[in-house]
Amino acid sequence: MSDRRDFLKKSGLLGLASIATNLIGQEKIEKAEQALSALGENAFTLPKLNYRFDELEPHIDAKTMEIHYTKHHQGYIDKLNAIKSTNIDYLSSDEVKCTHIDRFTQAAIRNNLGGHYNHTLFWSLLKPNPKSEINIPKAKLTEAIIKEFKSVDEFKNQFSETALKIFGSGWCWLVLQNSKLKIVTTANQDNPLMKIDEATQFEAVAKPILALDVWEHAYYLKHQNKRKDYINAWWNVVNWDEAEKRFNGY
């Protein structure tokens, strides 16, 4: 019995705790313990990049990538792993975790989970383009963009203007909600999956298709205060293959 109590005390995880407290029998308790053990001491880790820091040159410089990835993103992960008692179901995907965040969630969880998920998605949506070749959306996503925004160029103009106007730090997103593409923004490390806006909590979840980080740490070393230059450069390295995959998956 003491081992079981220790398990529940140490886990501090709503998802695992609810599993353990509702299970009957040694076999099910052991399965829950094994699930916790599989997480290891650090439930969150940096995702593996599909490119080197310098492979997004000349559009995103290597030093910015290195600091952004190893310092800023790692910082969110370190803080998440330092939180010993949370209401996060660690066994779910990061995307599902974010859908459980609302305006009543502990600030440390909301900010750092958002920072981790947002950056993980951001890295996956970047792709080297050293020759600055024409970079446009793929297949079905192109059709949906034209249907909603009249043209790809008009979409890019609207997205860029929206990102440029974000006050302070935040993110610009292309999302799919109710089978419709929308451009939305969030402050700080919030994202469209979170139930932070009471007015939209009863709508369908907004699934991110594209994500653009407009925190100054994403561009200041190369572009200083010229956010517009950074946004224009970012279009060259958007991973439209990944965006298409995300679009088709919803």
C-alpha atoms as a PDB file:
ATOM      1  CA  MET A   1       0.000   0.000   0.000  1.00  0.00           C
ATOM      2  CA  SER A   2       2.836   2.407   0.824  1.00  0.00           C
ATOM      3  CA  ASP A   3       4.281   1.911  -2.674  1.00  0.00           C
ATOM      4  CA  ARG A   4       0.962   2.815  -4.237  1.00  0.00           C
ATOM      5  CA  ARG A   5       0.616   5.924  -2.098  1.00  0.00           C
ATOM      6  CA  ASP A   6       4.162   6.966  -3.032  1.00  0.00           C
ATOM      7  CA  PHE A   7       3.326   6.491  -6.706  1.00  0.00           C
ATOM      8  CA  LEU A   8       0.342   8.817  -6.517  1.00  0.00           C
ATOM      9  CA  LYS A   9       2.207  11.353  -4.447  1.00  0.00           C
ATOM     10  CA  LYS A  10       5.227  11.476  -6.727  1.00  0.00           C
ATOM     11  CA  SER A  11       3.336  11.564  -9.982  1.00  0.00           C
ATOM     12  CA  GLY A  12       1.234  14.627  -9.239  1.00  0.00           C
ATOM     13  CA  LEU A  13      -0.286  14.237 -12.703  1.00  0.00           C
ATOM     14  CA  LEU A  14      -4.014  14.463 -13.151  1.00  0.00           C
ATOM     15  CA  GLY A  15      -4.066  12.033 -16.048  1.00  0.00           C
ATOM     16  CA  LEU A  16      -2.041   9.361 -14.269  1.00  0.00           C
ATOM     17  CA  ALA A  17      -3.582   9.996 -10.888  1.00  0.00           C
ATOM     18  CA  SER A  18      -7.091   9.610 -12.253  1.00  0.00           C
ATOM     19  CA  ILE A  19      -6.042   6.372 -13.929  1.00  0.00           C
ATOM     20  CA  ALA A  20      -4.477   4.996 -10.782  1.00  0.00           C
ATOM     21  CA  THR A  21      -7.264   5.963  -8.421  1.00  0.00           C
ATOM     22  CA  ASN A  22      -9.875   4.352 -10.634  1.00  0.00           C
ATOM     23  CA  LEU A  23      -8.012   1.133 -11.309  1.00  0.00           C
ATOM     24  CA  ILE A  24      -8.603  -2.023  -9.300  1.00  0.00           C
ATOM     25  CA  GLY A  25      -5.984  -4.715  -8.933  1.00  0.00           C
ATOM     26  CA  GLN A  26      -2.242  -5.012  -8.856  1.00  0.00           C
ATOM     27  CA  GLU A  27      -1.912  -5.502 -12.625  1.00  0.00           C
ATOM     28  CA  LYS A  28      -3.542  -2.183 -13.468  1.00  0.00           C
ATOM     29  CA  ILE A  29      -1.562  -0.357 -10.796  1.00  0.00           C
ATOM     30  CA  GLU A  30       1.621  -1.760 -12.282  1.00  0.00           C
ATOM     31  CA  LYS A  31       0.622  -0.564 -15.757  1.00  0.00           C
ATOM     32  CA  ALA A  32       0.129   2.963 -14.450  1.00  0.00           C
ATOM     33  CA  GLU A  33       3.476   2.815 -12.665  1.00  0.00           C
ATOM     34  CA  GLN A  34       5.163   1.638 -15.858  1.00  0.00           C
ATOM     35  CA  ALA A  35       3.602   4.510 -17.782  1.00  0.00           C
ATOM     36  CA  LEU A  36       5.013   7.000 -15.285  1.00  0.00           C
ATOM     37  CA  SER A  37       8.417   5.319 -15.367  1.00  0.00           C
ATOM     38  CA  ALA A  38       8.487   5.549 -19.166  1.00  0.00           C
ATOM     39  CA  LEU A  39       8.296   9.319 -18.904  1.00  0.00           C
ATOM     40  CA  GLY A  40      11.626   9.476 -17.114  1.00  0.00           C
ATOM     41  CA  GLU A  41      12.684  12.420 -15.004  1.00  0.00           C
ATOM     42  CA  ASN A  42      12.199  14.879 -17.873  1.00  0.00           C
ATOM     43  CA  ALA A  43       8.800  14.476 -19.479  1.00  0.00           C
ATOM     44  CA  PHE A  44       9.565  17.241 -21.990  1.00  0.00           C
ATOM     45  CA  THR A  45      12.595  17.323 -24.292  1.00  0.00           C
ATOM     46  CA  LEU A  46      13.792  19.373 -27.249  1.00  0.00           C
ATOM     47  CA  PRO A  47      12.507  18.024 -30.567  1.00  0.00           C
ATOM     48  CA  LYS A  48      15.076  16.954 -33.136  1.00  0.00           C
ATOM     49  CA  LEU A  49      15.544  19.467 -35.936  1.00  0.00           C
ATOM     50  CA  ASN A  50      15.501  18.307 -39.548  1.00  0.00           C
ATOM     51  CA  TYR A  51      18.220  20.790 -40.499  1.00  0.00           C
ATOM     52  CA  ARG A  52      21.376  22.359 -39.091  1.00  0.00           C
ATOM     53  CA  PHE A  53      21.300  25.813 -37.547  1.00  0.00           C
ATOM     54  CA  ASP A  54      23.030  27.279 -40.606  1.00  0.00           C
ATOM     55  CA  GLU A  55      20.828  25.589 -43.211  1.00  0.00           C
ATOM     56  CA  LEU A  56      18.126  28.251 -43.061  1.00  0.00           C
ATOM     57  CA  GLU A  57      20.644  30.875 -44.181  1.00  0.00           C
ATOM     58  CA  PRO A  58      20.448  33.458 -45.623  1.00  0.00           C
ATOM     59  CA  HIS A  59      16.856  33.886 -44.471  1.00  0.00           C
ATOM     60  CA  ILE A  60      17.229  32.969 -40.792  1.00  0.00           C
ATOM     61  CA  ASP A  61      20.768  33.254 -39.473  1.00  0.00           C
ATOM     62  CA  ALA A  62      22.547  30.422 -37.702  1.00  0.00           C
ATOM     63  CA  LYS A  63      23.264  32.320 -34.478  1.00  0.00           C
ATOM     64  CA  THR A  64      19.603  33.257 -34.033  1.00  0.00           C
ATOM     65  CA  MET A  65      18.579  29.654 -34.656  1.00  0.00           C
ATOM     66  CA  GLU A  66      21.102  28.352 -32.156  1.00  0.00           C
ATOM     67  CA  ILE A  67      20.090  30.746 -29.386  1.00  0.00           C
ATOM     68  CA  HIS A  68      16.388  30.432 -30.143  1.00  0.00           C
ATOM     69  CA  TYR A  69      16.518  26.638 -30.007  1.00  0.00           C
ATOM     70  CA  THR A  70      19.093  25.931 -27.286  1.00  0.00           C
ATOM     71  CA  LYS A  71      18.292  28.819 -24.941  1.00  0.00           C
ATOM     72  CA  HIS A  72      14.722  30.022 -25.404  1.00  0.00           C
ATOM     73  CA  HIS A  73      13.017  26.726 -26.270  1.00  0.00           C
ATOM     74  CA  GLN A  74      15.164  24.795 -23.811  1.00  0.00           C
ATOM     75  CA  GLY A  75      14.209  27.331 -21.158  1.00  0.00           C
ATOM     76  CA  TYR A  76      10.505  26.531 -21.517  1.00  0.00           C
ATOM     77  CA  ILE A  77      11.277  22.823 -21.297  1.00  0.00           C
ATOM     78  CA  ASP A  78      13.427  23.217 -18.180  1.00  0.00           C
ATOM     79  CA  LYS A  79      10.687  25.172 -16.438  1.00  0.00           C
ATOM     80  CA  LEU A  80       8.031  22.626 -17.411  1.00  0.00           C
ATOM     81  CA  ASN A  81      10.119  19.759 -16.080  1.00  0.00           C
ATOM     82  CA  ALA A  82      10.675  21.669 -12.832  1.00  0.00           C
ATOM     83  CA  ILE A  83       6.933  21.813 -12.124  1.00  0.00           C
ATOM     84  CA  LYS A  84       6.363  18.858  -9.816  1.00  0.00           C
ATOM     85  CA  SER A  85       2.602  18.958  -9.444  1.00  0.00           C
ATOM     86  CA  THR A  86       0.430  19.888 -12.412  1.00  0.00           C
ATOM     87  CA  ASN A  87      -2.894  19.163 -14.034  1.00  0.00           C
ATOM     88  CA  ILE A  88      -1.192  18.119 -17.276  1.00  0.00           C
ATOM     89  CA  ASP A  89      -1.920  14.654 -18.617  1.00  0.00           C
ATOM     90  CA  TYR A  90       1.642  13.853 -19.648  1.00  0.00           C
ATOM     91  CA  LEU A  91       0.548  10.780 -21.578  1.00  0.00           C
ATOM     92  CA  SER A  92      -1.395  12.796 -24.142  1.00  0.00           C
ATOM     93  CA  SER A  93       0.134  14.604 -27.124  1.00  0.00           C
ATOM     94  CA  ASP A  94       1.366  18.166 -26.651  1.00  0.00           C
ATOM     95  CA  GLU A  95      -1.469  19.335 -28.896  1.00  0.00           C
ATOM     96  CA  VAL A  96      -4.071  17.685 -26.673  1.00  0.00           C
ATOM     97  CA  LYS A  97      -2.353  19.102 -23.590  1.00  0.00           C
ATOM     98  CA  CYS A  98      -2.796  22.608 -25.004  1.00  0.00           C
ATOM     99  CA  THR A  99      -6.542  22.080 -25.503  1.00  0.00           C
ATOM    100  CA  HIS A 100      -6.819  21.603 -21.724  1.00  0.00           C
ATOM    101  CA  ILE A 101      -5.334  25.030 -21.010  1.00  0.00           C
ATOM    102  CA  ASP A 102      -7.798  27.769 -20.095  1.00  0.00           C
ATOM    103  CA  ARG A 103      -7.607  31.168 -18.420  1.00  0.00           C
ATOM    104  CA  PHE A 104      -7.715  29.534 -15.004  1.00  0.00           C
ATOM    105  CA  THR A 105      -4.651  27.373 -15.655  1.00  0.00           C
ATOM    106  CA  GLN A 106      -1.545  28.020 -13.598  1.00  0.00           C
ATOM    107  CA  ALA A 107       0.487  30.695 -15.395  1.00  0.00           C
ATOM    108  CA  ALA A 108       3.700  28.663 -15.322  1.00  0.00           C
ATOM    109  CA  ILE A 109       1.996  25.779 -17.121  1.00  0.00           C
ATOM    110  CA  ARG A 110       0.182  27.971 -19.626  1.00  0.00           C
ATOM    111  CA  ASN A 111       3.275  29.987 -20.556  1.00  0.00           C
ATOM    112  CA  ASN A 112       5.825  27.197 -20.678  1.00  0.00           C
ATOM    113  CA  LEU A 113       3.651  24.527 -22.268  1.00  0.00           C
ATOM    114  CA  GLY A 114       2.664  27.105 -24.875  1.00  0.00           C
ATOM    115  CA  GLY A 115       6.296  28.022 -25.417  1.00  0.00           C
ATOM    116  CA  HIS A 116       7.243  24.376 -25.888  1.00  0.00           C
ATOM    117  CA  TYR A 117       4.365  23.455 -28.218  1.00  0.00           C
ATOM    118  CA  ASN A 118       4.589  26.644 -30.276  1.00  0.00           C
ATOM    119  CA  HIS A 119       8.304  26.320 -30.891  1.00  0.00           C
ATOM    120  CA  THR A 120       8.113  22.609 -31.655  1.00  0.00           C
ATOM    121  CA  LEU A 121       5.546  23.390 -34.337  1.00  0.00           C
ATOM    122  CA  PHE A 122       7.517  26.400 -35.579  1.00  0.00           C
ATOM    123  CA  TRP A 123      10.665  24.324 -36.164  1.00  0.00           C
ATOM    124  CA  SER A 124       8.717  21.692 -38.089  1.00  0.00           C
ATOM    125  CA  LEU A 125       7.295  24.361 -40.375  1.00  0.00           C
ATOM    126  CA  LEU A 126      10.727  25.584 -41.499  1.00  0.00           C
ATOM    127  CA  LYS A 127      12.687  24.152 -44.403  1.00  0.00           C
ATOM    128  CA  PRO A 128      16.039  25.150 -45.952  1.00  0.00           C
ATOM    129  CA  ASN A 129      15.901  27.170 -49.172  1.00  0.00           C
ATOM    130  CA  PRO A 130      19.475  28.363 -49.775  1.00  0.00           C
ATOM    131  CA  LYS A 131      18.845  29.379 -53.395  1.00  0.00           C
ATOM    132  CA  SER A 132      15.716  31.372 -52.500  1.00  0.00           C
ATOM    133  CA  GLU A 133      13.629  29.385 -54.939  1.00  0.00           C
ATOM    134  CA  ILE A 134       9.929  30.197 -55.298  1.00  0.00           C
ATOM    135  CA  ASN A 135       8.187  28.794 -52.254  1.00  0.00           C
ATOM    136  CA  ILE A 136       4.416  28.375 -52.487  1.00  0.00           C
ATOM    137  CA  PRO A 137       1.724  26.262 -50.770  1.00  0.00           C
ATOM    138  CA  LYS A 138       0.965  22.770 -52.029  1.00  0.00           C
ATOM    139  CA  ALA A 139      -2.070  21.170 -53.693  1.00  0.00           C
ATOM    140  CA  LYS A 140      -5.172  21.173 -51.477  1.00  0.00           C
ATOM    141  CA  LEU A 141      -3.885  23.888 -49.177  1.00  0.00           C
ATOM    142  CA  THR A 142      -3.405  26.199 -52.154  1.00  0.00           C
ATOM    143  CA  GLU A 143      -6.982  25.543 -53.252  1.00  0.00           C
ATOM    144  CA  ALA A 144      -8.294  26.305 -49.761  1.00  0.00           C
ATOM    145  CA  ILE A 145      -6.207  29.486 -49.510  1.00  0.00           C
ATOM    146  CA  ILE A 146      -7.474  30.752 -52.864  1.00  0.00           C
ATOM    147  CA  LYS A 147     -11.046  29.922 -51.882  1.00  0.00           C
ATOM    148  CA  GLU A 148     -10.758  31.902 -48.653  1.00  0.00           C
ATOM    149  CA  PHE A 149      -8.359  34.718 -49.560  1.00  0.00           C
ATOM    150  CA  LYS A 150      -8.826  35.009 -53.369  1.00  0.00           C
ATOM    151  CA  SER A 151      -5.148  34.372 -54.095  1.00  0.00           C
ATOM    152  CA  VAL A 152      -1.953  33.122 -52.471  1.00  0.00           C
ATOM    153  CA  ASP A 153      -0.419  36.591 -52.726  1.00  0.00           C
ATOM    154  CA  GLU A 154      -3.419  38.148 -50.999  1.00  0.00           C
ATOM    155  CA  PHE A 155      -3.204  35.555 -48.231  1.00  0.00           C
ATOM    156  CA  LYS A 156       0.485  36.273 -47.724  1.00  0.00           C
ATOM    157  CA  ASN A 157      -0.200  40.016 -47.645  1.00  0.00           C
ATOM    158  CA  GLN A 158      -2.941  39.624 -45.046  1.00  0.00           C
ATOM    159  CA  PHE A 159      -0.879  37.240 -42.947  1.00  0.00           C
ATOM    160  CA  SER A 160       2.181  39.508 -43.076  1.00  0.00           C
ATOM    161  CA  GLU A 161       0.189  42.612 -42.162  1.00  0.00           C
ATOM    162  CA  THR A 162      -1.468  40.811 -39.271  1.00  0.00           C
ATOM    163  CA  ALA A 163       1.886  39.566 -37.966  1.00  0.00           C
ATOM    164  CA  LEU A 164       3.413  43.017 -38.355  1.00  0.00           C
ATOM    165  CA  LYS A 165       0.678  44.629 -36.253  1.00  0.00           C
ATOM    166  CA  ILE A 166       0.993  42.322 -33.246  1.00  0.00           C
ATOM    167  CA  PHE A 167       1.781  44.564 -30.302  1.00  0.00           C
ATOM    168  CA  GLY A 168       4.717  43.305 -28.287  1.00  0.00           C
ATOM    169  CA  SER A 169       5.424  39.581 -28.292  1.00  0.00           C
ATOM    170  CA  GLY A 170       3.220  36.884 -29.753  1.00  0.00           C
ATOM    171  CA  TRP A 171       2.421  34.584 -32.649  1.00  0.00           C
ATOM    172  CA  CYS A 172       0.576  34.759 -35.958  1.00  0.00           C
ATOM    173  CA  TRP A 173      -1.276  31.645 -37.114  1.00  0.00           C
ATOM    174  CA  LEU A 174      -3.081  30.187 -40.074  1.00  0.00           C
ATOM    175  CA  VAL A 175      -5.681  27.886 -38.542  1.00  0.00           C
ATOM    176  CA  LEU A 176      -8.467  25.615 -39.704  1.00  0.00           C
ATOM    177  CA  GLN A 177     -11.672  26.039 -37.760  1.00  0.00           C
ATOM    178  CA  ASN A 178     -15.069  24.722 -38.794  1.00  0.00           C
ATOM    179  CA  SER A 179     -13.511  23.694 -42.148  1.00  0.00           C
ATOM    180  CA  LYS A 180     -12.516  27.293 -42.786  1.00  0.00           C
ATOM    181  CA  LEU A 181      -9.050  28.867 -42.908  1.00  0.00           C
ATOM    182  CA  LYS A 182      -8.489  31.886 -40.673  1.00  0.00           C
ATOM    183  CA  ILE A 183      -5.595  34.153 -39.744  1.00  0.00           C
ATOM    184  CA  VAL A 184      -5.440  34.703 -35.986  1.00  0.00           C
ATOM    185  CA  THR A 185      -2.955  35.998 -33.438  1.00  0.00           C
ATOM    186  CA  THR A 186      -2.117  35.167 -29.835  1.00  0.00           C
ATOM    187  CA  ALA A 187      -0.109  37.065 -27.252  1.00  0.00           C
ATOM    188  CA  ASN A 188       3.004  35.804 -25.513  1.00  0.00           C
ATOM    189  CA  GLN A 189       3.153  31.973 -25.755  1.00  0.00           C
ATOM    190  CA  ASP A 190      -0.579  31.346 -26.033  1.00  0.00           C
ATOM    191  CA  ASN A 191      -1.876  29.427 -29.043  1.00  0.00           C
ATOM    192  CA  PRO A 192      -5.227  28.828 -30.799  1.00  0.00           C
ATOM    193  CA  LEU A 193      -5.664  25.406 -29.179  1.00  0.00           C
ATOM    194  CA  MET A 194      -6.029  26.936 -25.728  1.00  0.00           C
ATOM    195  CA  LYS A 195      -9.420  27.827 -24.293  1.00  0.00           C
ATOM    196  CA  ILE A 196      -8.282  31.238 -23.138  1.00  0.00           C
ATOM    197  CA  ASP A 197     -10.882  33.369 -24.898  1.00  0.00           C
ATOM    198  CA  GLU A 198     -14.288  32.910 -23.326  1.00  0.00           C
ATOM    199  CA  ALA A 199     -15.993  34.047 -26.523  1.00  0.00           C
ATOM    200  CA  THR A 200     -14.453  31.245 -28.569  1.00  0.00           C
ATOM    201  CA  GLN A 201     -14.505  28.385 -26.087  1.00  0.00           C
ATOM    202  CA  PHE A 202     -17.688  27.006 -27.578  1.00  0.00           C
ATOM    203  CA  GLU A 203     -16.435  27.034 -31.174  1.00  0.00           C
ATOM    204  CA  ALA A 204     -14.619  24.139 -32.782  1.00  0.00           C
ATOM    205  CA  VAL A 205     -10.952  23.917 -31.918  1.00  0.00           C
ATOM    206  CA  ALA A 206      -8.763  26.036 -34.197  1.00  0.00           C
ATOM    207  CA  LYS A 207      -6.108  23.685 -35.584  1.00  0.00           C
ATOM    208  CA  PRO A 208      -2.782  25.377 -36.395  1.00  0.00           C
ATOM    209  CA  ILE A 209      -1.570  24.992 -39.986  1.00  0.00           C
ATOM    210  CA  LEU A 210       1.144  27.673 -39.966  1.00  0.00           C
ATOM    211  CA  ALA A 211       2.870  29.358 -37.030  1.00  0.00           C
ATOM    212  CA  LEU A 212       5.060  32.458 -37.057  1.00  0.00           C
ATOM    213  CA  ASP A 213       6.982  33.536 -33.969  1.00  0.00           C
ATOM    214  CA  VAL A 214       7.178  37.324 -33.785  1.00  0.00           C
ATOM    215  CA  TRP A 215       8.951  37.592 -30.458  1.00  0.00           C
ATOM    216  CA  GLU A 216      11.995  39.818 -30.926  1.00  0.00           C
ATOM    217  CA  HIS A 217      14.331  36.963 -29.992  1.00  0.00           C
ATOM    218  CA  ALA A 218      13.255  35.273 -33.250  1.00  0.00           C
ATOM    219  CA  TYR A 219      14.791  37.989 -35.428  1.00  0.00           C
ATOM    220  CA  TYR A 220      16.594  40.742 -33.518  1.00  0.00           C
ATOM    221  CA  LEU A 221      20.176  39.574 -34.089  1.00  0.00           C
ATOM    222  CA  LYS A 222      19.761  39.789 -37.872  1.00  0.00           C
ATOM    223  CA  HIS A 223      16.982  42.299 -38.424  1.00  0.00           C
ATOM    224  CA  GLN A 224      17.059  44.410 -35.242  1.00  0.00           C
ATOM    225  CA  ASN A 225      13.687  46.198 -35.007  1.00  0.00           C
ATOM    226  CA  LYS A 226      12.708  45.470 -38.625  1.00  0.00           C
ATOM    227  CA  ARG A 227      10.025  42.847 -38.083  1.00  0.00           C
ATOM    228  CA  LYS A 228       8.781  43.293 -41.638  1.00  0.00           C
ATOM    229  CA  ASP A 229      12.146  42.168 -43.047  1.00  0.00           C
ATOM    230  CA  TYR A 230      12.028  39.080 -40.844  1.00  0.00           C
ATOM    231  CA  ILE A 231       8.500  38.205 -41.989  1.00  0.00           C
ATOM    232  CA  ASN A 232       9.476  38.615 -45.637  1.00  0.00           C
ATOM    233  CA  ALA A 233      12.500  36.366 -45.094  1.00  0.00           C
ATOM    234  CA  TRP A 234      10.408  33.757 -43.278  1.00  0.00           C
ATOM    235  CA  TRP A 235       8.208  33.152 -46.317  1.00  0.00           C
ATOM    236  CA  ASN A 236      11.279  31.760 -48.103  1.00  0.00           C
ATOM    237  CA  VAL A 237      11.716  28.953 -45.582  1.00  0.00           C
ATOM    238  CA  VAL A 238       8.114  27.974 -44.853  1.00  0.00           C
ATOM    239  CA  ASN A 239       7.813  24.196 -45.022  1.00  0.00           C
ATOM    240  CA  TRP A 240       4.702  23.967 -47.178  1.00  0.00           C
ATOM    241  CA  ASP A 241       4.985  20.171 -47.314  1.00  0.00           C
ATOM    242  CA  GLU A 242       4.457  20.038 -43.559  1.00  0.00           C
ATOM    243  CA  ALA A 243       1.680  22.631 -43.723  1.00  0.00           C
ATOM    244  CA  GLU A 244      -0.065  20.582 -46.404  1.00  0.00           C
ATOM    245  CA  LYS A 245       0.255  17.490 -44.251  1.00  0.00           C
ATOM    246  CA  ARG A 246      -1.289  19.292 -41.299  1.00  0.00           C
ATOM    247  CA  PHE A 247      -4.093  20.662 -43.475  1.00  0.00           C
ATOM    248  CA  ASN A 248      -4.925  17.251 -44.905  1.00  0.00           C
ATOM    249  CA  GLY A 249      -4.880  15.712 -41.465  1.00  0.00           C
ATOM    250  CA  TYR A 250      -7.786  17.744 -40.178  1.00  0.00           C
END
